[in-house]
Amino acid sequence: MTRLLPLAAMEKILKQCGAERVSDKAKVAMKNIMEEIADDIAARAIQFAKHAGRTTVKDRDIKLATKEN
């Protein structure tokens, strides 16, 4: 699967949360973890949409997919 999240966005998130400096390895690690989480959320959201008889994933499917069981 093609990865879409830019490293600059990872640095921006970390700095907004208080990091003064961010290493390249930290940006890559953050990117990889966030993409894994996004893949999991997307897969679950698709399951919710299919269960509801829809082919369109809606915001409520994303919200449901992020809730803890």
Protein backbone atom coordinates (compact mmCIF):
# COMPACT_ATOMS: atom_id res chain seq x y z
CA MET A 1 0.00 0.00 0.00
CA THR A 2 1.25 3.48 -0.83
CA ARG A 3 2.08 5.58 2.20
CA LEU A 4 0.65 9.07 2.22
CA LEU A 5 1.59 10.87 5.42
CA PRO A 6 4.44 13.35 4.95
CA LEU A 7 7.32 13.46 7.42
CA ALA A 8 6.87 17.22 7.77
CA ALA A 9 3.41 16.62 9.20
CA MET A 10 4.86 14.25 11.79
CA GLU A 11 7.35 16.90 12.88
CA LYS A 12 4.59 19.51 13.07
CA ILE A 13 2.41 17.28 15.26
CA LEU A 14 5.30 16.49 17.61
CA LYS A 15 6.28 20.16 17.88
CA GLN A 16 2.68 21.22 18.52
CA CYS A 17 2.68 18.75 21.40
CA GLY A 18 5.76 20.36 22.90
CA ALA A 19 8.85 18.81 21.27
CA GLU A 20 11.62 21.33 20.74
CA ARG A 21 13.48 19.18 18.23
CA VAL A 22 12.52 16.00 16.38
CA SER A 23 14.97 13.49 14.89
CA ASP A 24 14.48 12.03 11.43
CA LYS A 25 14.12 8.57 12.96
CA ALA A 26 11.37 9.85 15.28
CA LYS A 27 9.47 11.30 12.32
CA VAL A 28 9.70 8.00 10.44
CA ALA A 29 8.62 6.01 13.52
CA MET A 30 5.63 8.32 14.08
CA LYS A 31 4.67 8.10 10.39
CA ASN A 32 4.83 4.29 10.36
CA ILE A 33 2.74 3.92 13.52
CA MET A 34 0.14 6.46 12.40
CA GLU A 35 -0.20 4.75 9.02
CA GLU A 36 -0.68 1.36 10.69
CA ILE A 37 -3.36 2.81 12.95
CA ALA A 38 -5.04 4.52 9.98
CA ASP A 39 -5.05 1.24 8.03
CA ASP A 40 -6.71 -0.54 10.97
CA ILE A 41 -9.34 2.18 11.37
CA ALA A 42 -10.07 2.19 7.64
CA ALA A 43 -10.50 -1.60 7.52
CA ARG A 44 -12.88 -1.54 10.49
CA ALA A 45 -14.84 1.40 9.03
CA ILE A 46 -15.26 -0.48 5.75
CA GLN A 47 -16.63 -3.46 7.68
CA PHE A 48 -19.18 -1.21 9.41
CA ALA A 49 -20.27 0.30 6.09
CA LYS A 50 -20.65 -3.16 4.50
CA HIS A 51 -22.57 -4.41 7.54
CA ALA A 52 -24.97 -1.48 7.07
CA GLY A 53 -25.43 -2.45 3.41
CA ARG A 54 -23.50 0.53 2.07
CA THR A 55 -20.52 0.85 -0.23
CA THR A 56 -19.84 4.39 0.98
CA VAL A 57 -17.81 4.80 4.16
CA LYS A 58 -19.29 7.60 6.24
CA ASP A 59 -17.97 9.65 9.12
CA ARG A 60 -20.02 7.58 11.57
CA ASP A 61 -18.22 4.44 10.37
CA ILE A 62 -14.87 6.09 11.15
CA LYS A 63 -16.13 7.17 14.58
CA LEU A 64 -17.40 3.67 15.35
CA ALA A 65 -14.13 2.14 14.17
CA THR A 66 -12.16 4.27 16.64
CA LYS A 67 -14.25 3.35 19.68
CA GLU A 68 -12.85 0.77 22.08
CA ASN A 69 -14.72 -2.51 22.36
